[in-house]
């Protein structure tokens, strides 16, 4: 398993609320801190967009999570734009005000929005531009369709270039599933999972469990669960495998004859189980965790982070997480001791007209833990 990092540094320009952010060093495990609203979650969205090479399915998920996709009723009645690609770009409202109706985009590509995500090396980065759709794409969209209005097909496309690969065009179109399936382009990128503050959904847990069941990773996941459950788990099983939505997990505890539902052990155990399970299944890829402290008791934070460091190193995974919890920072700093460049602690803050990254060296991370220095 290669231990080469996918991103040893990071540049985000023009993506959503981030005009310009540069981080000179990322680690095997990186913790981003900062106040609410400073851009930590947006940075994770940018990283996921990079890893998936701006794949259509991920872009849709980001827009949907932010409430920026219209409902099917709204799309049909023309109350909102079919797909608000513009919201992916920094300063899109100003651009709209200056350039007018997006149904009649400006002719000059130089005046159209663009964002970049990736390392400082431009040849390895992701560039996404919004500009007029090609004649070939418009012909494809219109062909064979009756009673289609301009409000359902905008003359705009995303043009995506990832790591020097050939540029591809992603059209703007109605969000109806039967339209989307015809055009989705899941580009070749980096294996990546992004976990939000909430619990991992059953269907996602079920897919991950399929990958680790009856493998050495299964026993590691079960053993890891013991760090947050007082009664040592012996086995974990998934029931209702025919229906991923309805699948549920049960646990055999050392002191009980009967199996117990995993959900009965509390949100902390479920959150921990989900994170470790996903981490064990994204080999060689990237794991992005928003509000990593959610559900994890302060007394197990150091063990929690030690497991993340060990899993990440063993499976060649690069982990980037966010937090605004001092307990998470302290646990991270304690677990980072002796791990050198594997650990990176970065505070994101708003400066004059830009977002700044304050980076801590491995030695400074230890000082943070020992002296309780505020880095959130």
Protein backbone atom coordinates (compact mmCIF):
# COMPACT_ATOMS: atom_id res chain seq x y z
CA UNK A 1 0.00 0.00 0.00
CA UNK A 2 1.48 3.33 -1.10
CA UNK A 3 1.84 5.94 1.61
CA UNK A 4 2.22 8.82 -0.84
CA UNK A 5 -0.17 11.64 0.01
CA UNK A 6 -2.71 12.66 -2.59
CA UNK A 7 -2.26 16.27 -1.49
CA UNK A 8 0.84 17.44 0.34
CA UNK A 9 -0.31 21.05 0.01
CA UNK A 10 -3.54 22.74 -1.01
CA UNK A 11 -4.78 25.74 -2.98
CA UNK A 12 -8.47 26.66 -3.25
CA UNK A 13 -9.38 29.62 -5.44
CA UNK A 14 -12.84 30.84 -6.40
CA UNK A 15 -14.82 27.96 -4.87
CA UNK A 16 -18.08 28.94 -3.16
CA UNK A 17 -17.28 31.13 -0.13
CA UNK A 18 -13.50 30.80 -0.52
CA UNK A 19 -11.89 33.40 -2.76
CA UNK A 20 -8.31 32.32 -2.02
CA UNK A 21 -6.89 29.83 0.50
CA UNK A 22 -3.40 28.34 0.54
CA UNK A 23 -2.13 25.64 2.91
CA UNK A 24 1.56 24.83 2.52
CA UNK A 25 1.50 21.42 4.24
CA UNK A 26 -1.09 18.71 4.73
CA UNK A 27 -0.39 15.57 6.72
CA UNK A 28 -1.48 11.97 6.59
CA UNK A 29 -4.07 13.18 9.12
CA UNK A 30 -4.95 16.89 9.07
CA UNK A 31 -7.23 18.69 11.51
CA UNK A 32 -8.76 22.01 10.45
CA UNK A 33 -10.00 24.29 13.21
CA UNK A 34 -11.65 27.69 13.17
CA UNK A 35 -14.82 29.54 14.06
CA UNK A 36 -18.21 28.66 12.65
CA UNK A 37 -18.75 30.09 9.19
CA UNK A 38 -15.07 30.58 8.42
CA UNK A 39 -15.07 28.02 5.59
CA UNK A 40 -14.08 24.66 7.09
CA UNK A 41 -17.01 22.75 5.58
CA UNK A 42 -16.54 24.55 2.27
CA UNK A 43 -12.90 23.42 2.25
CA UNK A 44 -14.07 19.81 2.63
CA UNK A 45 -16.55 20.29 -0.23
CA UNK A 46 -13.71 21.63 -2.37
CA UNK A 47 -11.54 18.64 -1.46
CA UNK A 48 -14.32 16.20 -2.35
CA UNK A 49 -14.86 18.04 -5.63
CA UNK A 50 -11.14 17.67 -6.35
CA UNK A 51 -10.98 13.99 -5.42
CA UNK A 52 -13.95 13.09 -7.62
CA UNK A 53 -12.62 15.24 -10.49
CA UNK A 54 -15.81 17.33 -10.27
CA UNK A 55 -17.97 14.29 -10.93
CA UNK A 56 -21.58 15.20 -11.62
CA UNK A 57 -23.04 13.06 -8.85
CA UNK A 58 -20.87 14.74 -6.19
CA UNK A 59 -21.62 18.23 -7.51
CA UNK A 60 -25.33 17.48 -7.32
CA UNK A 61 -24.98 16.18 -3.78
CA UNK A 62 -23.17 19.35 -2.69
CA UNK A 63 -25.84 21.57 -4.22
CA UNK A 64 -28.63 19.46 -2.75
CA UNK A 65 -27.13 19.54 0.76
CA UNK A 66 -27.04 23.35 0.57
CA UNK A 67 -30.65 23.58 -0.65
CA UNK A 68 -29.48 24.92 -4.01
CA UNK A 69 -31.25 22.42 -6.25
CA UNK A 70 -34.84 23.23 -7.19
CA UNK A 71 -37.57 20.70 -6.63
CA UNK A 72 -39.05 19.07 -9.71
CA UNK A 73 -42.12 21.31 -9.35
CA UNK A 74 -39.96 24.43 -9.23
CA UNK A 75 -38.00 23.30 -12.27
CA UNK A 76 -41.18 22.64 -14.25
CA UNK A 77 -42.75 25.99 -13.40
CA UNK A 78 -39.55 27.92 -14.03
CA UNK A 79 -39.56 29.46 -10.54
CA UNK A 80 -35.83 28.77 -10.23
CA UNK A 81 -32.95 27.91 -12.52
CA UNK A 82 -32.83 24.16 -13.24
CA UNK A 83 -29.33 23.73 -11.80
CA UNK A 84 -27.63 26.57 -9.98
CA UNK A 85 -24.08 25.83 -11.14
CA UNK A 86 -23.24 29.46 -10.40
CA UNK A 87 -23.39 28.81 -6.64
CA UNK A 88 -20.24 26.68 -6.97
CA UNK A 89 -18.26 29.82 -7.80
CA UNK A 90 -17.08 32.54 -5.46
CA UNK A 91 -18.80 35.87 -5.97
CA UNK A 92 -21.47 34.43 -8.25
CA UNK A 93 -24.08 36.98 -7.13
CA UNK A 94 -21.78 39.84 -8.13
CA UNK A 95 -21.12 38.11 -11.44
CA UNK A 96 -24.85 37.82 -12.08
CA UNK A 97 -25.39 41.48 -11.25
CA UNK A 98 -22.62 42.53 -13.63
CA UNK A 99 -23.42 40.14 -16.48
CA UNK A 100 -27.20 39.97 -16.40
CA UNK A 101 -29.44 37.10 -17.38
CA UNK A 102 -27.64 33.71 -17.31
CA UNK A 103 -29.94 32.62 -20.14
CA UNK A 104 -27.91 35.01 -22.29
CA UNK A 105 -24.34 34.54 -21.06
CA UNK A 106 -21.54 36.89 -21.99
CA UNK A 107 -19.52 35.97 -25.04
CA UNK A 108 -16.06 36.28 -23.54
CA UNK A 109 -14.74 33.20 -21.72
CA UNK A 110 -12.43 35.48 -19.71
CA UNK A 111 -15.48 37.06 -18.06
CA UNK A 112 -16.96 33.71 -16.98
CA UNK A 113 -16.49 32.25 -13.46
CA UNK A 114 -13.72 29.73 -12.72
CA UNK A 115 -12.48 27.83 -9.66
CA UNK A 116 -9.33 25.85 -8.93
CA UNK A 117 -8.71 23.18 -6.28
CA UNK A 118 -5.62 21.05 -5.75
CA UNK A 119 -1.90 21.23 -5.06
CA UNK A 120 0.24 24.22 -5.95
CA UNK A 121 1.37 22.34 -9.04
CA UNK A 122 -1.14 23.45 -11.70
CA UNK A 123 -0.59 20.27 -13.72
CA UNK A 124 -2.04 18.24 -10.83
CA UNK A 125 -4.94 20.53 -9.97
CA UNK A 126 -8.63 20.68 -10.87
CA UNK A 127 -9.95 23.61 -12.92
CA UNK A 128 -13.67 24.14 -13.49
CA UNK A 129 -14.99 26.89 -15.75
CA UNK A 130 -18.54 27.99 -16.53
CA UNK A 131 -19.08 29.06 -20.14
CA UNK A 132 -21.35 28.68 -23.15
CA UNK A 133 -22.31 25.12 -24.03
CA UNK A 134 -20.77 23.72 -27.17
CA UNK A 135 -22.93 23.35 -30.26
CA UNK A 136 -22.51 19.58 -29.98
CA UNK A 137 -23.84 19.55 -26.43
CA UNK A 138 -26.81 21.77 -27.21
CA UNK A 139 -27.66 19.61 -30.20
CA UNK A 140 -27.51 16.52 -28.00
CA UNK A 141 -29.74 18.13 -25.37
CA UNK A 142 -32.37 19.30 -27.84
CA UNK A 143 -32.38 16.26 -30.08
CA UNK A 144 -35.58 14.23 -29.93
CA UNK A 145 -37.21 16.37 -27.24
CA UNK A 146 -40.54 18.06 -27.74
CA UNK A 147 -41.98 20.94 -25.74
CA UNK A 148 -38.64 21.68 -24.09
CA UNK A 149 -38.19 25.30 -23.02
CA UNK A 150 -35.04 27.35 -22.70
CA UNK A 151 -35.63 27.44 -18.94
CA UNK A 152 -35.13 23.66 -18.92
CA UNK A 153 -31.90 23.74 -20.92
CA UNK A 154 -29.56 26.60 -20.17
CA UNK A 155 -26.88 27.42 -22.77
CA UNK A 156 -24.22 27.01 -20.08
CA UNK A 157 -21.91 24.11 -19.23
CA UNK A 158 -19.16 23.35 -16.75
CA UNK A 159 -15.82 22.64 -18.44
CA UNK A 160 -13.69 20.42 -16.23
CA UNK A 161 -9.97 19.66 -16.46
CA UNK A 162 -8.42 17.34 -13.85
CA UNK A 163 -4.68 16.66 -13.56
CA UNK A 164 -4.02 17.58 -17.16
CA UNK A 165 -6.60 15.14 -18.54
CA UNK A 166 -8.71 16.03 -21.54
CA UNK A 167 -11.30 18.68 -20.74
CA UNK A 168 -14.86 17.39 -20.42
CA UNK A 169 -18.15 19.26 -20.64
CA UNK A 170 -20.91 18.92 -18.05
CA UNK A 171 -24.26 20.35 -19.22
CA UNK A 172 -26.83 22.31 -17.27
CA UNK A 173 -30.17 20.54 -17.50
CA UNK A 174 -33.41 19.73 -15.73
CA UNK A 175 -32.97 17.75 -12.49
CA UNK A 176 -35.45 15.02 -13.40
CA UNK A 177 -33.69 11.67 -12.72
CA UNK A 178 -34.34 10.26 -16.19
CA UNK A 179 -32.54 13.29 -17.68
CA UNK A 180 -29.67 13.14 -15.24
CA UNK A 181 -28.90 9.47 -15.80
CA UNK A 182 -28.35 10.13 -19.48
CA UNK A 183 -25.62 12.67 -18.85
CA UNK A 184 -23.92 11.76 -15.58
CA UNK A 185 -20.17 11.57 -16.06
CA UNK A 186 -18.44 9.99 -13.12
CA UNK A 187 -14.91 10.99 -13.95
CA UNK A 188 -11.91 8.97 -12.87
CA UNK A 189 -10.54 10.53 -9.72
CA UNK A 190 -9.44 9.49 -6.23
CA UNK A 191 -11.41 7.15 -3.97
CA UNK A 192 -13.02 9.53 -1.49
CA UNK A 193 -15.72 9.62 1.17
CA UNK A 194 -17.03 12.70 2.99
CA UNK A 195 -18.85 12.22 6.28
CA UNK A 196 -21.00 15.01 7.69
CA UNK A 197 -21.75 15.81 11.32
CA UNK A 198 -24.65 13.34 11.35
CA UNK A 199 -24.53 9.56 11.71
CA UNK A 200 -23.54 7.55 8.65
CA UNK A 201 -26.70 6.32 6.92
CA UNK A 202 -27.69 2.65 7.05
CA UNK A 203 -27.30 2.04 3.33
CA UNK A 204 -23.74 3.43 3.42
CA UNK A 205 -22.85 1.33 6.46
CA UNK A 206 -24.26 -1.73 4.70
CA UNK A 207 -22.12 -1.15 1.61
CA UNK A 208 -19.01 -0.69 3.74
CA UNK A 209 -19.79 -3.80 5.78
CA UNK A 210 -19.99 -5.83 2.57
CA UNK A 211 -16.37 -4.84 1.94
CA UNK A 212 -14.98 -5.81 5.36
CA UNK A 213 -17.13 -8.82 6.31
CA UNK A 214 -15.02 -11.97 6.92
CA UNK A 215 -11.78 -10.05 6.28
CA UNK A 216 -9.07 -8.98 8.75
CA UNK A 217 -10.62 -5.49 8.67
CA UNK A 218 -13.81 -6.82 10.27
CA UNK A 219 -12.01 -7.81 13.47
CA UNK A 220 -10.20 -4.46 13.52
CA UNK A 221 -13.50 -2.58 13.27
CA UNK A 222 -15.07 -4.65 16.06
CA UNK A 223 -12.00 -4.19 18.24
CA UNK A 224 -12.08 -0.44 17.63
CA UNK A 225 -15.70 -0.30 18.76
CA UNK A 226 -14.51 -1.52 22.16
CA UNK A 227 -12.86 1.86 22.76
CA UNK A 228 -16.25 3.54 23.18
CA UNK A 229 -18.36 0.67 24.55
CA UNK A 230 -17.85 -0.28 28.18
CA UNK A 231 -18.76 -3.93 27.58
CA UNK A 232 -16.28 -5.42 25.09
CA UNK A 233 -17.94 -6.29 21.75
CA UNK A 234 -17.18 -9.78 20.46
CA UNK A 235 -18.96 -9.76 17.13
CA UNK A 236 -20.99 -7.48 14.89
CA UNK A 237 -23.52 -8.68 12.31
CA UNK A 238 -25.70 -7.00 9.72
CA UNK A 239 -29.34 -8.06 9.45
CA UNK A 240 -31.79 -7.29 6.65
CA UNK A 241 -29.10 -7.32 3.97
CA UNK A 242 -31.71 -7.62 1.19
CA UNK A 243 -32.83 -4.06 1.85
CA UNK A 244 -29.91 -1.66 2.32
CA UNK A 245 -32.18 1.07 3.69
CA UNK A 246 -33.61 -1.30 6.28
CA UNK A 247 -30.35 -3.02 7.18
CA UNK A 248 -29.48 -2.88 10.86
CA UNK A 249 -26.46 -3.88 12.91
CA UNK A 250 -26.44 -6.00 16.04
CA UNK A 251 -23.61 -6.56 18.51
CA UNK A 252 -22.67 -9.54 20.69
CA UNK A 253 -21.27 -8.17 23.94
CA UNK A 254 -18.98 -10.15 26.23
CA UNK A 255 -21.34 -10.02 29.24
CA UNK A 256 -24.64 -10.76 27.47
CA UNK A 257 -26.07 -13.84 25.86
CA UNK A 258 -28.50 -11.94 23.64
CA UNK A 259 -27.38 -9.76 20.78
CA UNK A 260 -28.22 -6.07 21.11
CA UNK A 261 -28.94 -3.47 18.41
CA UNK A 262 -25.95 -1.26 17.72
CA UNK A 263 -28.22 1.79 17.88
CA UNK A 264 -29.13 0.93 21.48
CA UNK A 265 -25.51 1.62 22.46
CA UNK A 266 -25.94 5.35 21.81
CA UNK A 267 -25.03 7.88 19.15
CA UNK A 268 -21.38 7.94 20.21
CA UNK A 269 -20.91 4.23 19.54
CA UNK A 270 -22.77 4.48 16.24
CA UNK A 271 -20.78 7.52 15.10
CA UNK A 272 -17.50 5.83 16.04
CA UNK A 273 -18.48 2.57 14.34
CA UNK A 274 -19.44 4.40 11.15
CA UNK A 275 -16.23 6.42 10.98
CA UNK A 276 -13.95 3.44 11.58
CA UNK A 277 -15.92 1.28 9.14
CA UNK A 278 -15.66 3.88 6.38
CA UNK A 279 -11.98 4.45 7.15
CA UNK A 280 -11.34 0.71 6.75
CA UNK A 281 -12.96 0.67 3.31
CA UNK A 282 -11.47 3.69 1.57
CA UNK A 283 -8.03 2.15 1.04
CA UNK A 284 -5.57 4.34 -0.77
CA UNK A 285 -8.07 7.19 -0.93
CA UNK A 286 -9.22 10.18 1.07
CA UNK A 287 -11.59 10.46 4.03
CA UNK A 288 -13.11 13.86 4.83
CA UNK A 289 -14.85 14.25 8.19
CA UNK A 290 -16.90 17.30 9.14
CA UNK A 291 -17.22 18.06 12.88
CA UNK A 292 -15.18 15.01 13.75
CA UNK A 293 -15.90 15.36 17.47
CA UNK A 294 -19.66 14.71 17.20
CA UNK A 295 -20.80 11.91 19.49
CA UNK A 296 -17.28 11.10 20.75
CA UNK A 297 -16.77 11.44 24.53
CA UNK A 298 -13.85 13.60 25.58
CA UNK A 299 -12.26 10.75 27.56
CA UNK A 300 -11.77 8.59 24.44
CA UNK A 301 -10.60 11.34 22.09
CA UNK A 302 -6.91 10.37 22.26
CA UNK A 303 -7.64 6.68 21.55
CA UNK A 304 -10.03 7.74 18.81
CA UNK A 305 -7.36 9.80 17.07
CA UNK A 306 -4.70 7.11 17.59
CA UNK A 307 -6.95 4.67 15.73
CA UNK A 308 -7.44 7.16 12.90
CA UNK A 309 -3.67 7.69 12.60
CA UNK A 310 -3.00 3.93 12.63
CA UNK A 311 -5.75 3.05 10.14
CA UNK A 312 -4.72 5.91 7.84
CA UNK A 313 -1.08 4.82 7.82
CA UNK A 314 -1.85 1.12 7.38
CA UNK A 315 -4.35 1.60 4.55
CA UNK A 316 -2.71 4.53 2.76
CA UNK A 317 -5.63 6.87 3.47
CA UNK A 318 -5.33 10.65 3.76
CA UNK A 319 -7.71 12.01 6.40
CA UNK A 320 -8.78 15.65 6.62
CA UNK A 321 -11.20 16.58 9.40
CA UNK A 322 -12.74 19.72 10.87
CA UNK A 323 -13.62 20.63 14.44
CA UNK A 324 -14.44 23.50 16.76
CA UNK A 325 -14.01 21.36 19.90
CA UNK A 326 -11.07 21.80 22.27
CA UNK A 327 -11.41 18.14 23.36
CA UNK A 328 -10.91 17.04 19.76
CA UNK A 329 -7.89 19.33 19.35
CA UNK A 330 -6.32 18.09 22.58
CA UNK A 331 -6.97 14.44 21.70
CA UNK A 332 -5.53 14.97 18.23
CA UNK A 333 -2.43 16.70 19.59
CA UNK A 334 -1.83 13.95 22.17
CA UNK A 335 -2.24 11.18 19.58
CA UNK A 336 0.05 13.07 17.17
CA UNK A 337 3.04 12.86 19.51
CA UNK A 338 5.90 11.02 17.81
CA UNK A 339 4.12 10.87 14.45
CA UNK A 340 6.09 13.73 12.90
CA UNK A 341 4.90 14.87 9.48
CA UNK A 342 1.92 12.50 9.55
CA UNK A 343 0.07 15.11 11.63
CA UNK A 344 -0.96 18.59 10.55
CA UNK A 345 -2.97 21.09 12.61
CA UNK A 346 -4.28 24.16 10.79
CA UNK A 347 -6.48 27.02 11.97
CA UNK A 348 -8.54 28.73 9.29
CA UNK A 349 -9.39 32.35 9.98
CA UNK A 350 -10.65 35.36 8.08
CA UNK A 351 -8.07 38.07 7.51
CA UNK A 352 -8.18 41.26 5.50
CA UNK A 353 -10.19 40.43 2.37
CA UNK A 354 -9.19 36.73 2.39
CA UNK A 355 -9.15 33.49 4.36
CA UNK A 356 -5.84 32.68 6.03
CA UNK A 357 -4.35 29.38 7.18
CA UNK A 358 -2.32 29.37 10.40
CA UNK A 359 -0.20 26.20 10.34
CA UNK A 360 1.39 24.49 13.35
CA UNK A 361 4.60 22.46 13.20
CA UNK A 362 4.76 19.02 14.90
CA UNK A 363 6.58 20.62 17.85
CA UNK A 364 3.98 23.37 18.12
CA UNK A 365 1.21 20.76 18.12
CA UNK A 366 2.70 19.26 21.26
CA UNK A 367 2.92 22.68 22.90
CA UNK A 368 -0.78 23.18 22.08
CA UNK A 369 -1.62 19.96 23.95
CA UNK A 370 0.63 20.61 26.92
CA UNK A 371 -0.20 24.26 27.51
CA UNK A 372 -3.80 24.37 26.33
CA UNK A 373 -3.16 27.05 23.71
CA UNK A 374 -6.34 28.21 21.99
CA UNK A 375 -6.26 27.24 18.31
CA UNK A 376 -9.97 27.09 17.50
